[in-house]
Each structure stands twice: as C-alpha cells, then as structure tokens.
C-alpha cells in the first residue's frame, strides 16, 4: 500500500491487488515506529494519521525474574516522533487506501489473489489472479511482490531463499486489560517462560515465546495449564486468563528469519517479508518493509515514468536495502539465541538479565542506541520520489 501510494503520487499507473475483502484481521504486527512516522511526516500525512486510534510507547521495559530492566528509551531519539505507535494494522492500511484513492493513477482490487506469473521468454510481464468475478490477468512494466513470508510471487519466480534459522515460535492471544492492573512492562521473563504484553487500549496483545515446534507439547499439557503458566509469568493477568477460552484463541506464528539471495528478475522485484522474513523481535518487520517501499519509489519512480527500467535498476533496490536487512536480522538472531532461547530451554535458571541488557539499564545513553535500532533502524529512508499530484 505504501509503495502504491508513492508510485501513484509520482504519476505512475499503479494497481494493487489484495486477496482479502477487507483489512479487518488481527495482524499482530501493529507497531508503527519512528522511521515510519517520519515518512508520514515527510508526506504531510502525520497529523491526520495520528488522529486514528493508537497508543504510544516511549519506554521499553523488561522484567527478568523481578529485576526491572529499561531496554530502550525512545525519548532520546533525535526525531520528531519519539515514540512507537501501537495502531491496529487495519487502521494503517485503511488510512493509506483512503489516501491512495485520491490519485487518478491508482487502482485497488480487493479479493484478487495472485496465483501465478505471466512471462514472455525470460521477462515477467504480469500476474494471474482469482477474483469472485472470475480469473484476472494484469500486465505491467514491473511486478512487485509484497505478499509476505509465504510469497506466491517469489515462489513462482523461482527465487532462492536463504534460511537463517529461528529457535523460537510465538503464540499470540489477547487478554482483557484492566486499567491500573498491569505496569507498562513490555517483556516478562519468569519460570523459564517469556511473555510480551502489548498495550492495545482495552486489551493486551500477548506473545508467548516457545521453543520451535513446541506448541504440540503445550497443547498436550492442556489449556488450563497454559492459562496458569500465563498467570504465573504476569500475576496481574490472572483475573482475565479465562479470556483464552479455547485453543482457537491462540494463534501460532512460526518464526522464520530468511532472505532471498536475489530479490529480482527481469520485470519483477520482491520487497518486505517477501524478500526478507524478520523475527518478531522488536516489531521491526513492518517498518523495514515501509523503508523498502520508500527506497523502491526513490530509485525506480522516475525510470518507471519514462518506461526506462532496467534489470540493474531492480538490483539497485537490493543493493540499497540489503545491508540494513542483514544488520537487523543479525541482531535479531543474537537476541533469539542468547536471550530468549536459553530462558525457554531452562538453561538460564537464575533468570538474570544478560550482561548487555544490564549495561543498557545502567547507562541511559545506551538506551538511546537501542531505541534507535528499534525505532529508526540502520538505514532510514526519506522521501525523494517525485510528487506528480502537487505539480498538476
């Protein structure tokens, strides 16, 4: 949606295909970080965006067996929005869709699920999709796969994926938020378990970290045992763990950390999770995808407008975005392997915060560095693509 907005804004005929009828789904990746808020500000959309329902988080705090650790302080960021906005992703997507609709060069088709690619010799020229009205074929000078970690586009294009490994999975569920009952503590570590609580206003979005493939063992122990485990990690949730009524209320995220060795083929480019699946650590995946979209528009919009796009231009997007992707994934893997995996495996019996986090807690200036990693990232992008709409 962001790339569609930027390309249509640049006067390029743009079609976005969405396989669902609406955006009303529990995405769970609902963090909008400072880098994305900065992009919205540069587009003149920030003030209106922040009128949508959201909660603000400035301090990221962890509880390691009763030891309170400040992990990041967004107030130390040198940017306009020194916070993380928790906004339901459907709100964000609906906001972008409304803004896109103002551009005459933008088309948006819902309930259009891409199933295959169209090719002429070695050039990808379009996509096939299914819709309630029947088959759809759409041709374009450039196809961009933004269809996530299970991307049909990248599969049909035969792009190779490098799996970097993930020793964890995450179980997502929600619990009623009783005002004043729970501190704004982001991560809770206790009893060989890790639970992340995200403030969603009237409820907590909870992420329960388990060993890779561990959900079957948890289900064998029974739902009541699972509820009690949640209550033991965060005792103030005890009154509402009955909100987890059945296993249907618990959604599995099979964590993957991977990236394509090659993000493009002639006529096609993958960005976001389709190019690099991120761990949920830090909630940075959506924001990295937004940065990919901005970079793509910056590098390709003028060339698309002139219909003068070459393979090297597509490779240029990967060249621009590969380093921040690698750096982010490397940090996520270190946190997975050195912080989370030892706890959930029972190896960290003392439940002591790792030395690095204890140092961050002791030296506030380091909290600004961790906030920059989470909120801004390694290579924040800024709007450079043209604005045909304002010129006309």
Protein backbone atom coordinates (compact mmCIF):
# COMPACT_ATOMS: atom_id res chain seq x y z
CA UNK A 1 0.00 0.00 0.00
CA UNK A 2 2.82 2.41 0.79
CA UNK A 3 4.59 1.68 -2.48
CA UNK A 4 1.29 2.00 -4.33
CA UNK A 5 0.76 5.39 -2.72
CA UNK A 6 4.25 6.62 -3.61
CA UNK A 7 4.13 5.44 -7.22
CA UNK A 8 0.64 6.82 -7.84
CA UNK A 9 1.77 10.08 -6.21
CA UNK A 10 4.59 10.12 -8.78
CA UNK A 11 2.07 9.87 -11.62
CA UNK A 12 2.63 6.18 -12.42
CA UNK A 13 -0.28 3.92 -13.28
CA UNK A 14 -0.38 1.59 -10.28
CA UNK A 15 -2.52 -1.43 -9.47
CA UNK A 16 -2.55 -3.03 -6.01
CA UNK A 17 -4.07 -6.49 -5.68
CA UNK A 18 -5.31 -7.58 -2.22
CA UNK A 19 -6.55 -11.13 -1.77
CA UNK A 20 -8.93 -10.31 1.11
CA UNK A 21 -12.19 -8.38 1.03
CA UNK A 22 -11.07 -6.03 3.79
CA UNK A 23 -8.22 -5.42 6.24
CA UNK A 24 -10.12 -6.42 9.38
CA UNK A 25 -7.76 -9.10 10.59
CA UNK A 26 -5.62 -9.41 13.70
CA UNK A 27 -2.22 -8.84 12.11
CA UNK A 28 -0.44 -8.57 15.49
CA UNK A 29 2.44 -6.70 13.84
CA UNK A 30 0.83 -3.42 14.81
CA UNK A 31 3.84 -1.30 15.71
CA UNK A 32 4.45 1.91 13.77
CA UNK A 33 7.95 3.08 14.60
CA UNK A 34 9.62 6.48 14.41
CA UNK A 35 11.07 5.78 10.96
CA UNK A 36 7.59 5.19 9.53
CA UNK A 37 6.15 8.18 11.36
CA UNK A 38 8.95 10.29 9.83
CA UNK A 39 7.97 9.09 6.34
CA UNK A 40 4.34 10.03 7.01
CA UNK A 41 5.50 13.43 8.22
CA UNK A 42 7.52 13.99 5.05
CA UNK A 43 4.39 13.13 3.05
CA UNK A 44 2.30 15.62 5.04
CA UNK A 45 0.13 12.83 6.45
CA UNK A 46 1.35 12.55 10.03
CA UNK A 47 -1.10 14.82 11.81
CA UNK A 48 -4.12 13.13 10.24
CA UNK A 49 -2.61 9.67 10.76
CA UNK A 50 -2.20 10.24 14.50
CA UNK A 51 -5.90 11.06 14.77
CA UNK A 52 -6.54 7.35 14.22
CA UNK A 53 -6.84 5.19 17.38
CA UNK A 54 -3.42 4.33 18.76
CA UNK A 55 -1.34 4.05 21.93
CA UNK A 56 2.13 5.48 22.42
CA UNK A 57 5.11 3.67 23.92
CA UNK A 58 8.23 5.65 24.83
CA UNK A 59 9.99 3.26 27.22
CA UNK A 60 10.59 -0.42 26.56
CA UNK A 61 10.96 -2.21 29.87
CA UNK A 62 11.66 -5.85 30.69
CA UNK A 63 11.10 -7.79 33.90
CA UNK A 64 13.67 -10.57 34.42
CA UNK A 65 12.54 -12.57 37.42
CA UNK A 66 11.64 -9.38 39.29
CA UNK A 67 14.62 -7.39 38.04
CA UNK A 68 13.33 -4.38 36.10
CA UNK A 69 15.44 -3.53 33.06
CA UNK A 70 14.97 -0.49 30.83
CA UNK A 71 15.75 -1.78 27.34
CA UNK A 72 15.15 1.35 25.26
CA UNK A 73 14.16 4.98 25.76
CA UNK A 74 12.58 6.47 22.64
CA UNK A 75 12.58 9.93 24.23
CA UNK A 76 16.32 10.01 23.45
CA UNK A 77 15.73 9.73 19.70
CA UNK A 78 16.65 12.75 17.60
CA UNK A 79 13.48 12.75 15.56
CA UNK A 80 10.05 14.37 15.62
CA UNK A 81 8.10 11.39 16.91
CA UNK A 82 9.97 9.94 19.87
CA UNK A 83 7.67 7.01 20.47
CA UNK A 84 6.31 3.79 18.98
CA UNK A 85 2.66 3.99 17.94
CA UNK A 86 0.58 0.87 18.53
CA UNK A 87 -2.12 1.06 15.89
CA UNK A 88 -4.19 -1.83 14.52
CA UNK A 89 -2.75 -2.56 11.11
CA UNK A 90 -6.18 -2.38 9.52
CA UNK A 91 -6.33 1.26 10.63
CA UNK A 92 -2.98 1.94 8.98
CA UNK A 93 -3.97 0.13 5.77
CA UNK A 94 -7.38 1.78 5.58
CA UNK A 95 -5.71 5.15 6.08
CA UNK A 96 -3.30 4.51 3.20
CA UNK A 97 -6.08 3.14 0.99
CA UNK A 98 -8.14 6.30 1.52
CA UNK A 99 -5.16 8.46 0.62
CA UNK A 100 -4.37 6.35 -2.44
CA UNK A 101 -7.93 6.74 -3.70
CA UNK A 102 -7.30 10.46 -4.25
CA UNK A 103 -4.79 9.70 -7.02
CA UNK A 104 -6.19 9.16 -10.52
CA UNK A 105 -3.29 6.83 -11.34
CA UNK A 106 -4.15 4.38 -8.54
CA UNK A 107 -6.36 1.29 -8.75
CA UNK A 108 -7.06 -1.13 -5.94
CA UNK A 109 -8.76 -4.50 -6.42
CA UNK A 110 -9.82 -6.49 -3.38
CA UNK A 111 -10.47 -10.24 -3.31
CA UNK A 112 -7.85 -10.69 -6.01
CA UNK A 113 -5.48 -13.50 -5.03
CA UNK A 114 -2.38 -13.79 -7.19
CA UNK A 115 -1.77 -17.40 -8.23
CA UNK A 116 0.87 -17.21 -10.96
CA UNK A 117 3.11 -15.00 -13.07
CA UNK A 118 2.85 -14.15 -16.75
CA UNK A 119 6.07 -14.49 -18.71
CA UNK A 120 7.39 -13.78 -22.18
CA UNK A 121 10.66 -15.62 -22.65
CA UNK A 122 12.67 -14.65 -19.53
CA UNK A 123 10.73 -11.45 -18.82
CA UNK A 124 7.95 -11.40 -16.20
CA UNK A 125 5.15 -9.32 -17.66
CA UNK A 126 2.21 -9.69 -15.31
CA UNK A 127 0.23 -11.84 -12.89
CA UNK A 128 -2.73 -14.17 -12.88
CA UNK A 129 -5.23 -13.85 -10.06
CA UNK A 130 -8.54 -15.28 -8.99
CA UNK A 131 -11.44 -13.00 -8.10
CA UNK A 132 -15.14 -13.55 -7.27
CA UNK A 133 -15.88 -12.35 -10.81
CA UNK A 134 -13.52 -14.93 -12.34
CA UNK A 135 -9.89 -15.11 -13.47
CA UNK A 136 -7.90 -11.88 -13.80
CA UNK A 137 -4.76 -11.21 -15.80
CA UNK A 138 -2.90 -7.98 -15.16
CA UNK A 139 0.13 -6.90 -17.16
CA UNK A 140 2.66 -4.30 -16.05
CA UNK A 141 6.16 -2.99 -16.70
CA UNK A 142 7.03 -4.03 -13.15
CA UNK A 143 5.55 -6.60 -10.79
CA UNK A 144 6.38 -6.07 -7.11
CA UNK A 145 5.86 -8.99 -4.73
CA UNK A 146 4.77 -7.67 -1.34
CA UNK A 147 2.89 -10.82 -0.34
CA UNK A 148 4.80 -11.78 2.78
CA UNK A 149 6.94 -14.61 4.02
CA UNK A 150 4.84 -17.21 2.22
CA UNK A 151 5.03 -15.24 -1.02
CA UNK A 152 3.44 -16.86 -4.05
CA UNK A 153 5.21 -14.31 -6.23
CA UNK A 154 8.70 -15.29 -5.12
CA UNK A 155 7.81 -18.99 -5.30
CA UNK A 156 6.53 -18.72 -8.88
CA UNK A 157 9.56 -16.63 -9.81
CA UNK A 158 11.86 -19.39 -8.55
CA UNK A 159 13.82 -17.04 -6.28
CA UNK A 160 16.04 -18.85 -3.79
CA UNK A 161 15.59 -18.33 -0.06
CA UNK A 162 18.44 -18.44 2.46
CA UNK A 163 17.11 -19.70 5.80
CA UNK A 164 18.98 -18.16 8.73
CA UNK A 165 17.22 -20.22 11.40
CA UNK A 166 14.94 -19.45 14.32
CA UNK A 167 14.90 -21.47 17.56
CA UNK A 168 11.57 -20.00 18.69
CA UNK A 169 7.91 -19.77 17.81
CA UNK A 170 5.37 -17.33 19.21
CA UNK A 171 1.83 -17.96 20.45
CA UNK A 172 -0.40 -14.88 20.13
CA UNK A 173 -3.55 -14.25 22.15
CA UNK A 174 -5.37 -11.39 23.79
CA UNK A 175 -6.38 -10.77 27.40
CA UNK A 176 -8.64 -8.03 28.75
CA UNK A 177 -6.70 -5.04 30.01
CA UNK A 178 -7.93 -3.86 33.40
CA UNK A 179 -6.74 -0.25 33.82
CA UNK A 180 -4.10 0.07 36.51
CA UNK A 181 -3.67 -3.67 36.88
CA UNK A 182 -0.51 -4.13 34.81
CA UNK A 183 2.55 -1.92 34.51
CA UNK A 184 3.70 -0.85 31.09
CA UNK A 185 6.28 -3.61 31.10
CA UNK A 186 6.99 -4.87 27.62
CA UNK A 187 8.69 -8.22 28.28
CA UNK A 188 8.22 -10.55 31.25
CA UNK A 189 10.72 -13.34 31.92
CA UNK A 190 9.89 -15.86 34.66
CA UNK A 191 9.73 -19.61 35.26
CA UNK A 192 11.58 -20.45 32.03
CA UNK A 193 9.00 -18.52 30.05
CA UNK A 194 8.92 -15.28 28.12
CA UNK A 195 5.73 -13.27 27.66
CA UNK A 196 5.46 -9.95 25.83
CA UNK A 197 2.46 -7.71 26.56
CA UNK A 198 1.48 -5.02 24.07
CA UNK A 199 -0.98 -2.32 25.11
CA UNK A 200 -3.97 -2.30 22.75
CA UNK A 201 -6.16 0.01 24.83
CA UNK A 202 -8.83 -2.25 26.30
CA UNK A 203 -6.85 -5.47 25.92
CA UNK A 204 -3.30 -6.82 25.99
CA UNK A 205 -1.93 -8.43 22.85
CA UNK A 206 0.24 -11.18 24.30
CA UNK A 207 3.14 -13.01 22.68
CA UNK A 208 4.16 -16.21 24.48
CA UNK A 209 7.57 -17.42 23.30
CA UNK A 210 8.05 -21.19 22.95
CA UNK A 211 10.78 -23.43 21.52
CA UNK A 212 10.49 -24.05 17.79
CA UNK A 213 7.75 -26.63 17.24
CA UNK A 214 6.82 -26.55 20.93
CA UNK A 215 3.10 -25.90 20.54
CA UNK A 216 2.19 -29.60 20.41
CA UNK A 217 3.80 -30.25 23.79
CA UNK A 218 2.00 -27.24 25.27
CA UNK A 219 -1.35 -28.47 23.96
CA UNK A 220 -0.74 -31.91 25.46
CA UNK A 221 -0.47 -30.32 28.91
CA UNK A 222 -3.90 -28.79 28.46
CA UNK A 223 -5.41 -25.33 28.13
CA UNK A 224 -5.80 -24.80 31.88
CA UNK A 225 -2.08 -25.46 32.41
CA UNK A 226 -1.34 -22.92 29.71
CA UNK A 227 -3.61 -20.34 31.36
CA UNK A 228 -1.91 -20.89 34.72
CA UNK A 229 1.51 -20.52 33.11
CA UNK A 230 0.47 -17.11 31.77
CA UNK A 231 -0.80 -16.11 35.22
CA UNK A 232 2.45 -17.21 36.85
CA UNK A 233 4.54 -15.11 34.47
CA UNK A 234 2.37 -11.99 34.95
CA UNK A 235 0.28 -12.47 38.12
CA UNK A 236 -1.83 -9.38 37.44
CA UNK A 237 -3.27 -11.11 34.36
CA UNK A 238 -4.69 -13.93 36.49
CA UNK A 239 -8.20 -12.45 36.69
CA UNK A 240 -8.57 -12.50 32.91
CA UNK A 241 -6.72 -15.60 31.68
CA UNK A 242 -10.14 -17.19 31.19
CA UNK A 243 -10.34 -14.96 28.10
CA UNK A 244 -8.35 -17.78 26.48
CA UNK A 245 -11.46 -19.93 26.06
CA UNK A 246 -10.20 -22.49 23.53
CA UNK A 247 -7.04 -23.20 21.57
CA UNK A 248 -8.69 -21.33 18.71
CA UNK A 249 -7.95 -18.16 20.70
CA UNK A 250 -4.22 -18.94 20.50
CA UNK A 251 -2.58 -18.28 17.13
CA UNK A 252 0.78 -19.75 16.20
CA UNK A 253 3.42 -17.63 14.50
CA UNK A 254 6.03 -19.98 13.14
CA UNK A 255 9.02 -17.67 13.38
CA UNK A 256 11.26 -17.53 10.33
CA UNK A 257 14.34 -15.45 9.63
CA UNK A 258 15.33 -15.66 5.99
CA UNK A 259 16.10 -13.58 2.92
CA UNK A 260 16.27 -14.02 -0.80
CA UNK A 261 19.72 -14.36 -2.33
CA UNK A 262 18.35 -12.39 -5.29
CA UNK A 263 15.39 -10.04 -4.88
CA UNK A 264 14.59 -9.53 -8.54
CA UNK A 265 14.24 -10.99 -12.00
CA UNK A 266 13.58 -9.08 -15.22
CA UNK A 267 10.20 -7.43 -14.69
CA UNK A 268 9.87 -8.43 -11.03
CA UNK A 269 11.03 -7.24 -7.61
CA UNK A 270 10.31 -8.55 -4.11
CA UNK A 271 10.36 -6.32 -1.03
CA UNK A 272 9.28 -6.57 2.60
CA UNK A 273 8.75 -10.01 4.06
CA UNK A 274 8.62 -11.45 0.54
CA UNK A 275 12.31 -10.55 0.28
CA UNK A 276 13.32 -10.99 3.92
CA UNK A 277 11.24 -12.57 6.67
CA UNK A 278 12.03 -10.98 10.01
CA UNK A 279 11.76 -12.29 13.56
CA UNK A 280 9.03 -10.54 15.61
CA UNK A 281 11.79 -9.28 17.94
CA UNK A 282 11.48 -5.50 18.16
CA UNK A 283 8.41 -5.50 15.92
CA UNK A 284 10.60 -4.03 13.17
CA UNK A 285 9.39 -6.11 10.22
CA UNK A 286 6.59 -3.79 9.10
CA UNK A 287 8.84 -0.76 9.40
CA UNK A 288 11.63 -2.39 7.42
CA UNK A 289 9.06 -3.15 4.72
CA UNK A 290 7.97 0.50 4.66
CA UNK A 291 11.62 1.53 4.25
CA UNK A 292 11.89 -0.92 1.33
CA UNK A 293 8.86 0.71 -0.28
CA UNK A 294 10.29 4.21 0.11
CA UNK A 295 13.65 3.14 -1.33
CA UNK A 296 11.92 1.38 -4.23
CA UNK A 297 9.96 4.51 -5.12
CA UNK A 298 13.03 6.71 -4.71
CA UNK A 299 15.09 4.54 -7.06
CA UNK A 300 12.50 3.47 -9.62
CA UNK A 301 9.70 6.04 -9.88
CA UNK A 302 11.36 8.34 -12.41
CA UNK A 303 12.52 5.39 -14.52
CA UNK A 304 9.05 3.84 -14.46
CA UNK A 305 7.54 7.14 -15.53
CA UNK A 306 9.84 7.16 -18.58
CA UNK A 307 9.36 3.39 -19.14
CA UNK A 308 13.14 3.15 -19.00
CA UNK A 309 13.51 0.47 -16.31
CA UNK A 310 16.40 -1.98 -16.50
CA UNK A 311 17.50 -5.05 -14.56
CA UNK A 312 20.31 -3.10 -12.92
CA UNK A 313 17.74 -0.67 -11.51
CA UNK A 314 15.92 -3.53 -9.80
CA UNK A 315 19.17 -4.90 -8.43
CA UNK A 316 19.84 -1.42 -7.10
CA UNK A 317 16.95 -1.79 -4.66
CA UNK A 318 18.51 -4.93 -3.20
CA UNK A 319 21.89 -3.21 -3.07
CA UNK A 320 20.35 -0.31 -1.15
CA UNK A 321 18.31 -2.38 1.31
CA UNK A 322 20.46 -5.50 1.82
CA UNK A 323 22.82 -4.02 4.42
CA UNK A 324 20.09 -2.81 6.84
CA UNK A 325 18.31 -6.13 6.35
CA UNK A 326 21.44 -8.13 7.20
CA UNK A 327 22.25 -5.98 10.22
CA UNK A 328 18.71 -6.18 11.60
CA UNK A 329 18.50 -9.93 11.13
CA UNK A 330 21.94 -10.43 12.70
CA UNK A 331 20.82 -8.58 15.83
CA UNK A 332 17.54 -10.48 15.96
CA UNK A 333 19.37 -13.79 15.71
CA UNK A 334 21.70 -12.80 18.55
CA UNK A 335 18.72 -11.91 20.76
CA UNK A 336 16.93 -15.14 19.83
CA UNK A 337 19.96 -17.29 20.54
CA UNK A 338 21.47 -15.51 23.54
CA UNK A 339 18.45 -14.10 25.38
CA UNK A 340 15.24 -15.95 24.52
CA UNK A 341 16.37 -19.50 23.70
CA UNK A 342 18.37 -20.00 26.97
CA UNK A 343 15.35 -18.89 29.03
CA UNK A 344 12.69 -21.04 27.36
CA UNK A 345 15.05 -24.04 27.30
CA UNK A 346 15.60 -23.72 31.06
CA UNK A 347 19.34 -23.07 30.72
CA UNK A 348 19.09 -19.61 32.30
CA UNK A 349 17.86 -20.85 35.66
CA UNK A 350 18.87 -17.70 37.53
CA UNK A 351 16.64 -15.60 35.27
CA UNK A 352 19.28 -12.92 35.27
CA UNK A 353 19.16 -10.35 32.52
CA UNK A 354 22.04 -10.80 30.06
CA UNK A 355 25.09 -8.64 30.70
CA UNK A 356 24.40 -6.45 27.67
CA UNK A 357 20.91 -5.57 28.92
CA UNK A 358 22.25 -4.88 32.41
CA UNK A 359 24.72 -2.46 30.87
CA UNK A 360 21.96 -0.79 28.86
CA UNK A 361 19.91 -0.45 32.03
CA UNK A 362 22.86 1.07 33.92
CA UNK A 363 23.87 3.57 31.23
CA UNK A 364 20.89 5.58 29.93
CA UNK A 365 22.75 6.78 26.83
CA UNK A 366 22.81 3.16 25.65
CA UNK A 367 19.01 3.15 25.93
CA UNK A 368 19.01 5.76 23.18
CA UNK A 369 21.10 3.46 20.97
CA UNK A 370 18.75 0.51 21.44
CA UNK A 371 15.80 2.85 20.79
CA UNK A 372 17.44 3.86 17.53
CA UNK A 373 17.84 0.23 16.47
CA UNK A 374 14.18 -0.48 17.23
CA UNK A 375 12.60 2.83 16.22
CA UNK A 376 14.69 4.01 13.29
CA UNK A 377 16.87 1.15 12.11
CA UNK A 378 20.20 1.07 10.32
CA UNK A 379 19.36 2.94 7.12
CA UNK A 380 16.22 5.05 7.41
CA UNK A 381 14.85 6.16 4.06
CA UNK A 382 13.49 9.61 3.24
CA UNK A 383 11.02 10.63 0.55
CA UNK A 384 12.82 11.54 -2.68
CA UNK A 385 10.31 10.27 -5.25
CA UNK A 386 8.50 12.94 -7.30
CA UNK A 387 5.05 14.28 -6.44
CA UNK A 388 3.18 14.48 -9.74
CA UNK A 389 -0.01 15.18 -7.84
CA UNK A 390 1.22 18.51 -6.42
CA UNK A 391 2.77 19.52 -9.75
CA UNK A 392 -0.52 19.02 -11.60
